[in-house]
Amino acid sequence: PMSAREFVEGFDVEHFRKWVRRSAAAG
């Protein structure tokens, strides 16, 4: 469990981009 504020604090744009590319490739 995490709060919305903790979600923002753990949010990293570069990790975000890499995850999107992997996920998009997997459908």
PDB file of all heavy atoms in Angstrom:
ATOM      1  N   PRO A   1       0.823  -1.220   0.000  1.00  0.00           N
ATOM      2  CA  PRO A   1       0.000   0.000   0.000  1.00  0.00           C
ATOM      3  C   PRO A   1       0.849   1.258   0.000  1.00  0.00           C
ATOM      4  O   PRO A   1       1.917   1.328   0.622  1.00  0.00           O
ATOM      5  CB  PRO A   1      -0.806  -0.116   1.298  1.00  0.00           C
ATOM      6  CG  PRO A   1      -0.861  -1.583   1.581  1.00  0.00           C
ATOM      7  CD  PRO A   1       0.462  -2.119   1.122  1.00  0.00           C
ATOM      8  N   MET A   2       0.377   2.274  -0.730  1.00  0.00           N
ATOM      9  CA  MET A   2       1.040   3.573  -0.718  1.00  0.00           C
ATOM     10  C   MET A   2       0.000   4.652  -1.001  1.00  0.00           C
ATOM     11  O   MET A   2      -1.031   4.398  -1.637  1.00  0.00           O
ATOM     12  CB  MET A   2       2.171   3.645  -1.745  1.00  0.00           C
ATOM     13  CG  MET A   2       1.741   3.553  -3.192  1.00  0.00           C
ATOM     14  SD  MET A   2       3.072   3.992  -4.370  1.00  0.00           S
ATOM     15  CE  MET A   2       4.302   2.754  -4.009  1.00  0.00           C
ATOM     16  N   SER A   3       0.271   5.847  -0.524  1.00  0.00           N
ATOM     17  CA  SER A   3      -0.627   6.975  -0.756  1.00  0.00           C
ATOM     18  C   SER A   3      -0.328   7.603  -2.110  1.00  0.00           C
ATOM     19  O   SER A   3       0.711   7.319  -2.739  1.00  0.00           O
ATOM     20  CB  SER A   3      -0.443   8.023   0.338  1.00  0.00           C
ATOM     21  OG  SER A   3       0.852   8.610   0.248  1.00  0.00           O
ATOM     22  N   ALA A   4      -1.225   8.484  -2.552  1.00  0.00           N
ATOM     23  CA  ALA A   4      -0.990   9.194  -3.803  1.00  0.00           C
ATOM     24  C   ALA A   4       0.272  10.033  -3.720  1.00  0.00           C
ATOM     25  O   ALA A   4       1.057  10.107  -4.674  1.00  0.00           O
ATOM     26  CB  ALA A   4      -2.200  10.069  -4.128  1.00  0.00           C
ATOM     27  N   ARG A   5       0.505  10.654  -2.564  1.00  0.00           N
ATOM     28  CA  ARG A   5       1.705  11.463  -2.400  1.00  0.00           C
ATOM     29  C   ARG A   5       2.953  10.590  -2.468  1.00  0.00           C
ATOM     30  O   ARG A   5       3.962  10.981  -3.094  1.00  0.00           O
ATOM     31  CB  ARG A   5       1.648  12.192  -1.054  1.00  0.00           C
ATOM     32  CG  ARG A   5       2.793  13.143  -0.794  1.00  0.00           C
ATOM     33  CD  ARG A   5       2.972  14.151  -1.914  1.00  0.00           C
ATOM     34  NE  ARG A   5       1.746  14.858  -2.247  1.00  0.00           N
ATOM     35  CZ  ARG A   5       1.581  15.606  -3.314  1.00  0.00           C
ATOM     36  NH1 ARG A   5       2.564  15.717  -4.189  1.00  0.00           N
ATOM     37  NH2 ARG A   5       0.430  16.233  -3.547  1.00  0.00           N
ATOM     38  N   GLU A   6       2.930   9.392  -1.882  1.00  0.00           N
ATOM     39  CA  GLU A   6       4.068   8.477  -1.975  1.00  0.00           C
ATOM     40  C   GLU A   6       4.269   8.008  -3.418  1.00  0.00           C
ATOM     41  O   GLU A   6       5.402   7.789  -3.851  1.00  0.00           O
ATOM     42  CB  GLU A   6       3.848   7.286  -1.046  1.00  0.00           C
ATOM     43  CG  GLU A   6       3.953   7.644   0.435  1.00  0.00           C
ATOM     44  CD  GLU A   6       3.488   6.517   1.336  1.00  0.00           C
ATOM     45  OE1 GLU A   6       2.602   5.729   0.914  1.00  0.00           O
ATOM     46  OE2 GLU A   6       4.007   6.428   2.471  1.00  0.00           O
ATOM     47  N   PHE A   7       3.177   7.865  -4.146  1.00  0.00           N
ATOM     48  CA  PHE A   7       3.265   7.471  -5.555  1.00  0.00           C
ATOM     49  C   PHE A   7       4.027   8.544  -6.342  1.00  0.00           C
ATOM     50  O   PHE A   7       4.899   8.225  -7.157  1.00  0.00           O
ATOM     51  CB  PHE A   7       1.859   7.285  -6.134  1.00  0.00           C
ATOM     52  CG  PHE A   7       1.818   6.671  -7.504  1.00  0.00           C
ATOM     53  CD1 PHE A   7       1.711   5.303  -7.673  1.00  0.00           C
ATOM     54  CD2 PHE A   7       1.870   7.480  -8.639  1.00  0.00           C
ATOM     55  CE1 PHE A   7       1.657   4.739  -8.950  1.00  0.00           C
ATOM     56  CE2 PHE A   7       1.830   6.933  -9.917  1.00  0.00           C
ATOM     57  CZ  PHE A   7       1.720   5.558 -10.065  1.00  0.00           C
ATOM     58  N   VAL A   8       3.711   9.803  -6.081  1.00  0.00           N
ATOM     59  CA  VAL A   8       4.419  10.894  -6.753  1.00  0.00           C
ATOM     60  C   VAL A   8       5.891  10.910  -6.350  1.00  0.00           C
ATOM     61  O   VAL A   8       6.789  11.078  -7.187  1.00  0.00           O
ATOM     62  CB  VAL A   8       3.766  12.256  -6.435  1.00  0.00           C
ATOM     63  CG1 VAL A   8       4.624  13.411  -6.969  1.00  0.00           C
ATOM     64  CG2 VAL A   8       2.374  12.324  -7.032  1.00  0.00           C
ATOM     65  N   GLU A   9       6.148  10.747  -5.071  1.00  0.00           N
ATOM     66  CA  GLU A   9       7.533  10.778  -4.585  1.00  0.00           C
ATOM     67  C   GLU A   9       8.367   9.660  -5.192  1.00  0.00           C
ATOM     68  O   GLU A   9       9.574   9.814  -5.398  1.00  0.00           O
ATOM     69  CB  GLU A   9       7.546  10.683  -3.063  1.00  0.00           C
ATOM     70  CG  GLU A   9       6.991  11.934  -2.378  1.00  0.00           C
ATOM     71  CD  GLU A   9       6.813  11.758  -0.881  1.00  0.00           C
ATOM     72  OE1 GLU A   9       7.008  10.613  -0.391  1.00  0.00           O
ATOM     73  OE2 GLU A   9       6.472  12.741  -0.199  1.00  0.00           O
ATOM     74  N   GLY A  10       7.741   8.520  -5.487  1.00  0.00           N
ATOM     75  CA  GLY A  10       8.465   7.403  -6.089  1.00  0.00           C
ATOM     76  C   GLY A  10       8.446   7.414  -7.602  1.00  0.00           C
ATOM     77  O   GLY A  10       9.026   6.521  -8.246  1.00  0.00           O
ATOM     78  N   PHE A  11       7.805   8.413  -8.200  1.00  0.00           N
ATOM     79  CA  PHE A  11       7.654   8.480  -9.652  1.00  0.00           C
ATOM     80  C   PHE A  11       8.941   8.999 -10.298  1.00  0.00           C
ATOM     81  O   PHE A  11       9.447  10.063  -9.921  1.00  0.00           O
ATOM     82  CB  PHE A  11       6.487   9.396 -10.020  1.00  0.00           C
ATOM     83  CG  PHE A  11       6.115   9.370 -11.472  1.00  0.00           C
ATOM     84  CD1 PHE A  11       5.198   8.454 -11.953  1.00  0.00           C
ATOM     85  CD2 PHE A  11       6.681  10.276 -12.361  1.00  0.00           C
ATOM     86  CE1 PHE A  11       4.855   8.429 -13.300  1.00  0.00           C
ATOM     87  CE2 PHE A  11       6.348  10.263 -13.700  1.00  0.00           C
ATOM     88  CZ  PHE A  11       5.433   9.339 -14.169  1.00  0.00           C
ATOM     89  N   ASP A  12       9.461   8.270 -11.251  1.00  0.00           N
ATOM     90  CA  ASP A  12      10.677   8.661 -11.959  1.00  0.00           C
ATOM     91  C   ASP A  12      10.383   8.624 -13.461  1.00  0.00           C
ATOM     92  O   ASP A  12       9.981   7.585 -14.001  1.00  0.00           O
ATOM     93  CB  ASP A  12      11.826   7.707 -11.627  1.00  0.00           C
ATOM     94  CG  ASP A  12      13.094   8.050 -12.390  1.00  0.00           C
ATOM     95  OD1 ASP A  12      13.797   8.974 -11.971  1.00  0.00           O
ATOM     96  OD2 ASP A  12      13.347   7.378 -13.416  1.00  0.00           O
ATOM     97  N   VAL A  13      10.565   9.750 -14.131  1.00  0.00           N
ATOM     98  CA  VAL A  13      10.169   9.847 -15.535  1.00  0.00           C
ATOM     99  C   VAL A  13      10.934   8.862 -16.416  1.00  0.00           C
ATOM    100  O   VAL A  13      10.352   8.245 -17.319  1.00  0.00           O
ATOM    101  CB  VAL A  13      10.362  11.290 -16.049  1.00  0.00           C
ATOM    102  CG1 VAL A  13      10.092  11.367 -17.546  1.00  0.00           C
ATOM    103  CG2 VAL A  13       9.443  12.240 -15.299  1.00  0.00           C
ATOM    104  N   GLU A  14      12.229   8.682 -16.180  1.00  0.00           N
ATOM    105  CA  GLU A  14      12.994   7.758 -17.020  1.00  0.00           C
ATOM    106  C   GLU A  14      12.546   6.310 -16.820  1.00  0.00           C
ATOM    107  O   GLU A  14      12.432   5.550 -17.777  1.00  0.00           O
ATOM    108  CB  GLU A  14      14.485   7.909 -16.744  1.00  0.00           C
ATOM    109  CG  GLU A  14      15.081   9.172 -17.330  1.00  0.00           C
ATOM    110  CD  GLU A  14      14.723   9.360 -18.807  1.00  0.00           C
ATOM    111  OE1 GLU A  14      14.948   8.411 -19.591  1.00  0.00           O
ATOM    112  OE2 GLU A  14      14.213  10.428 -19.171  1.00  0.00           O
ATOM    113  N   HIS A  15      12.299   5.920 -15.573  1.00  0.00           N
ATOM    114  CA  HIS A  15      11.739   4.589 -15.322  1.00  0.00           C
ATOM    115  C   HIS A  15      10.385   4.466 -16.001  1.00  0.00           C
ATOM    116  O   HIS A  15      10.052   3.421 -16.584  1.00  0.00           O
ATOM    117  CB  HIS A  15      11.607   4.348 -13.824  1.00  0.00           C
ATOM    118  CG  HIS A  15      10.847   3.094 -13.486  1.00  0.00           C
ATOM    119  ND1 HIS A  15      11.426   1.853 -13.465  1.00  0.00           N
ATOM    120  CD2 HIS A  15       9.529   2.904 -13.185  1.00  0.00           C
ATOM    121  CE1 HIS A  15      10.525   0.940 -13.176  1.00  0.00           C
ATOM    122  NE2 HIS A  15       9.350   1.554 -12.995  1.00  0.00           N
ATOM    123  N   PHE A  16       9.598   5.510 -15.905  1.00  0.00           N
ATOM    124  CA  PHE A  16       8.271   5.555 -16.517  1.00  0.00           C
ATOM    125  C   PHE A  16       8.375   5.286 -18.019  1.00  0.00           C
ATOM    126  O   PHE A  16       7.641   4.459 -18.576  1.00  0.00           O
ATOM    127  CB  PHE A  16       7.675   6.935 -16.223  1.00  0.00           C
ATOM    128  CG  PHE A  16       6.355   7.227 -16.865  1.00  0.00           C
ATOM    129  CD1 PHE A  16       5.245   6.429 -16.650  1.00  0.00           C
ATOM    130  CD2 PHE A  16       6.212   8.357 -17.674  1.00  0.00           C
ATOM    131  CE1 PHE A  16       4.024   6.740 -17.229  1.00  0.00           C
ATOM    132  CE2 PHE A  16       5.000   8.678 -18.246  1.00  0.00           C
ATOM    133  CZ  PHE A  16       3.901   7.861 -18.023  1.00  0.00           C
ATOM    134  N   ARG A  17       9.289   5.961 -18.710  1.00  0.00           N
ATOM    135  CA  ARG A  17       9.458   5.765 -20.146  1.00  0.00           C
ATOM    136  C   ARG A  17       9.847   4.321 -20.476  1.00  0.00           C
ATOM    137  O   ARG A  17       9.306   3.718 -21.408  1.00  0.00           O
ATOM    138  CB  ARG A  17      10.538   6.712 -20.686  1.00  0.00           C
ATOM    139  CG  ARG A  17      10.207   8.193 -20.648  1.00  0.00           C
ATOM    140  CD  ARG A  17      11.398   8.987 -21.156  1.00  0.00           C
ATOM    141  NE  ARG A  17      11.260  10.407 -20.937  1.00  0.00           N
ATOM    142  CZ  ARG A  17      10.651  11.257 -21.759  1.00  0.00           C
ATOM    143  NH1 ARG A  17      10.110  10.790 -22.862  1.00  0.00           N
ATOM    144  NH2 ARG A  17      10.593  12.548 -21.480  1.00  0.00           N
ATOM    145  N   LYS A  18      10.774   3.767 -19.710  1.00  0.00           N
ATOM    146  CA  LYS A  18      11.224   2.400 -19.979  1.00  0.00           C
ATOM    147  C   LYS A  18      10.097   1.399 -19.767  1.00  0.00           C
ATOM    148  O   LYS A  18       9.935   0.461 -20.546  1.00  0.00           O
ATOM    149  CB  LYS A  18      12.416   2.069 -19.079  1.00  0.00           C
ATOM    150  CG  LYS A  18      13.676   2.864 -19.424  1.00  0.00           C
ATOM    151  CD  LYS A  18      14.797   2.571 -18.442  1.00  0.00           C
ATOM    152  CE  LYS A  18      16.033   3.405 -18.750  1.00  0.00           C
ATOM    153  NZ  LYS A  18      17.116   3.164 -17.760  1.00  0.00           N
ATOM    154  N   TRP A  19       9.333   1.593 -18.688  1.00  0.00           N
ATOM    155  CA  TRP A  19       8.201   0.691 -18.445  1.00  0.00           C
ATOM    156  C   TRP A  19       7.187   0.776 -19.577  1.00  0.00           C
ATOM    157  O   TRP A  19       6.691  -0.252 -20.046  1.00  0.00           O
ATOM    158  CB  TRP A  19       7.522   1.038 -17.114  1.00  0.00           C
ATOM    159  CG  TRP A  19       6.130   0.482 -17.065  1.00  0.00           C
ATOM    160  CD1 TRP A  19       5.761  -0.832 -17.005  1.00  0.00           C
ATOM    161  CD2 TRP A  19       4.909   1.219 -17.150  1.00  0.00           C
ATOM    162  NE1 TRP A  19       4.394  -0.963 -17.022  1.00  0.00           N
ATOM    163  CE2 TRP A  19       3.855   0.286 -17.113  1.00  0.00           C
ATOM    164  CE3 TRP A  19       4.606   2.585 -17.236  1.00  0.00           C
ATOM    165  CZ2 TRP A  19       2.515   0.679 -17.174  1.00  0.00           C
ATOM    166  CZ3 TRP A  19       3.284   2.977 -17.292  1.00  0.00           C
ATOM    167  CH2 TRP A  19       2.260   2.029 -17.263  1.00  0.00           C
ATOM    168  N   VAL A  20       6.876   1.984 -20.046  1.00  0.00           N
ATOM    169  CA  VAL A  20       5.896   2.147 -21.120  1.00  0.00           C
ATOM    170  C   VAL A  20       6.354   1.405 -22.367  1.00  0.00           C
ATOM    171  O   VAL A  20       5.557   0.716 -23.010  1.00  0.00           O
ATOM    172  CB  VAL A  20       5.660   3.641 -21.428  1.00  0.00           C
ATOM    173  CG1 VAL A  20       4.893   3.808 -22.742  1.00  0.00           C
ATOM    174  CG2 VAL A  20       4.890   4.307 -20.290  1.00  0.00           C
ATOM    175  N   ARG A  21       7.622   1.522 -22.718  1.00  0.00           N
ATOM    176  CA  ARG A  21       8.117   0.828 -23.913  1.00  0.00           C
ATOM    177  C   ARG A  21       7.984  -0.679 -23.769  1.00  0.00           C
ATOM    178  O   ARG A  21       7.570  -1.379 -24.711  1.00  0.00           O
ATOM    179  CB  ARG A  21       9.570   1.230 -24.190  1.00  0.00           C
ATOM    180  CG  ARG A  21       9.724   2.644 -24.737  1.00  0.00           C
ATOM    181  CD  ARG A  21      11.115   2.880 -25.301  1.00  0.00           C
ATOM    182  NE  ARG A  21      12.112   2.972 -24.242  1.00  0.00           N
ATOM    183  CZ  ARG A  21      12.473   4.104 -23.668  1.00  0.00           C
ATOM    184  NH1 ARG A  21      11.908   5.238 -24.031  1.00  0.00           N
ATOM    185  NH2 ARG A  21      13.408   4.121 -22.731  1.00  0.00           N
ATOM    186  N   ARG A  22       8.318  -1.214 -22.593  1.00  0.00           N
ATOM    187  CA  ARG A  22       8.186  -2.658 -22.380  1.00  0.00           C
ATOM    188  C   ARG A  22       6.724  -3.084 -22.435  1.00  0.00           C
ATOM    189  O   ARG A  22       6.369  -4.088 -23.065  1.00  0.00           O
ATOM    190  CB  ARG A  22       8.793  -3.050 -21.029  1.00  0.00           C
ATOM    191  CG  ARG A  22      10.309  -3.014 -20.984  1.00  0.00           C
ATOM    192  CD  ARG A  22      10.839  -3.697 -19.732  1.00  0.00           C
ATOM    193  NE  ARG A  22      10.448  -3.000 -18.512  1.00  0.00           N
ATOM    194  CZ  ARG A  22      11.179  -2.057 -17.924  1.00  0.00           C
ATOM    195  NH1 ARG A  22      12.326  -1.674 -18.466  1.00  0.00           N
ATOM    196  NH2 ARG A  22      10.769  -1.498 -16.799  1.00  0.00           N
ATOM    197  N   SER A  23       5.878  -2.318 -21.774  1.00  0.00           N
ATOM    198  CA  SER A  23       4.471  -2.678 -21.709  1.00  0.00           C
ATOM    199  C   SER A  23       3.793  -2.558 -23.073  1.00  0.00           C
ATOM    200  O   SER A  23       3.002  -3.418 -23.461  1.00  0.00           O
ATOM    201  CB  SER A  23       3.758  -1.779 -20.694  1.00  0.00           C
ATOM    202  OG  SER A  23       2.392  -2.090 -20.632  1.00  0.00           O
ATOM    203  N   ALA A  24       4.111  -1.489 -23.803  1.00  0.00           N
ATOM    204  CA  ALA A  24       3.515  -1.309 -25.126  1.00  0.00           C
ATOM    205  C   ALA A  24       3.912  -2.449 -26.059  1.00  0.00           C
ATOM    206  O   ALA A  24       3.099  -2.941 -26.844  1.00  0.00           O
ATOM    207  CB  ALA A  24       3.930   0.036 -25.705  1.00  0.00           C
ATOM    208  N   ALA A  25       5.159  -2.896 -25.962  1.00  0.00           N
ATOM    209  CA  ALA A  25       5.618  -4.002 -26.796  1.00  0.00           C
ATOM    210  C   ALA A  25       4.883  -5.293 -26.466  1.00  0.00           C
ATOM    211  O   ALA A  25       4.672  -6.144 -27.340  1.00  0.00           O
ATOM    212  CB  ALA A  25       7.123  -4.192 -26.629  1.00  0.00           C
ATOM    213  N   ALA A  26       4.469  -5.428 -25.193  1.00  0.00           N
ATOM    214  CA  ALA A  26       3.760  -6.629 -24.755  1.00  0.00           C
ATOM    215  C   ALA A  26       2.250  -6.536 -24.979  1.00  0.00           C
ATOM    216  O   ALA A  26       1.524  -7.491 -24.713  1.00  0.00           O
ATOM    217  CB  ALA A  26       4.040  -6.886 -23.276  1.00  0.00           C
ATOM    218  N   GLY A  27       1.781  -5.384 -25.442  1.00  0.00           N
ATOM    219  CA  GLY A  27       0.350  -5.225 -25.691  1.00  0.00           C
ATOM    220  C   GLY A  27      -0.457  -4.802 -24.486  1.00  0.00           C
ATOM    221  O   GLY A  27      -1.684  -4.865 -24.511  1.00  0.00           O
TER     222      GLY A  27
END
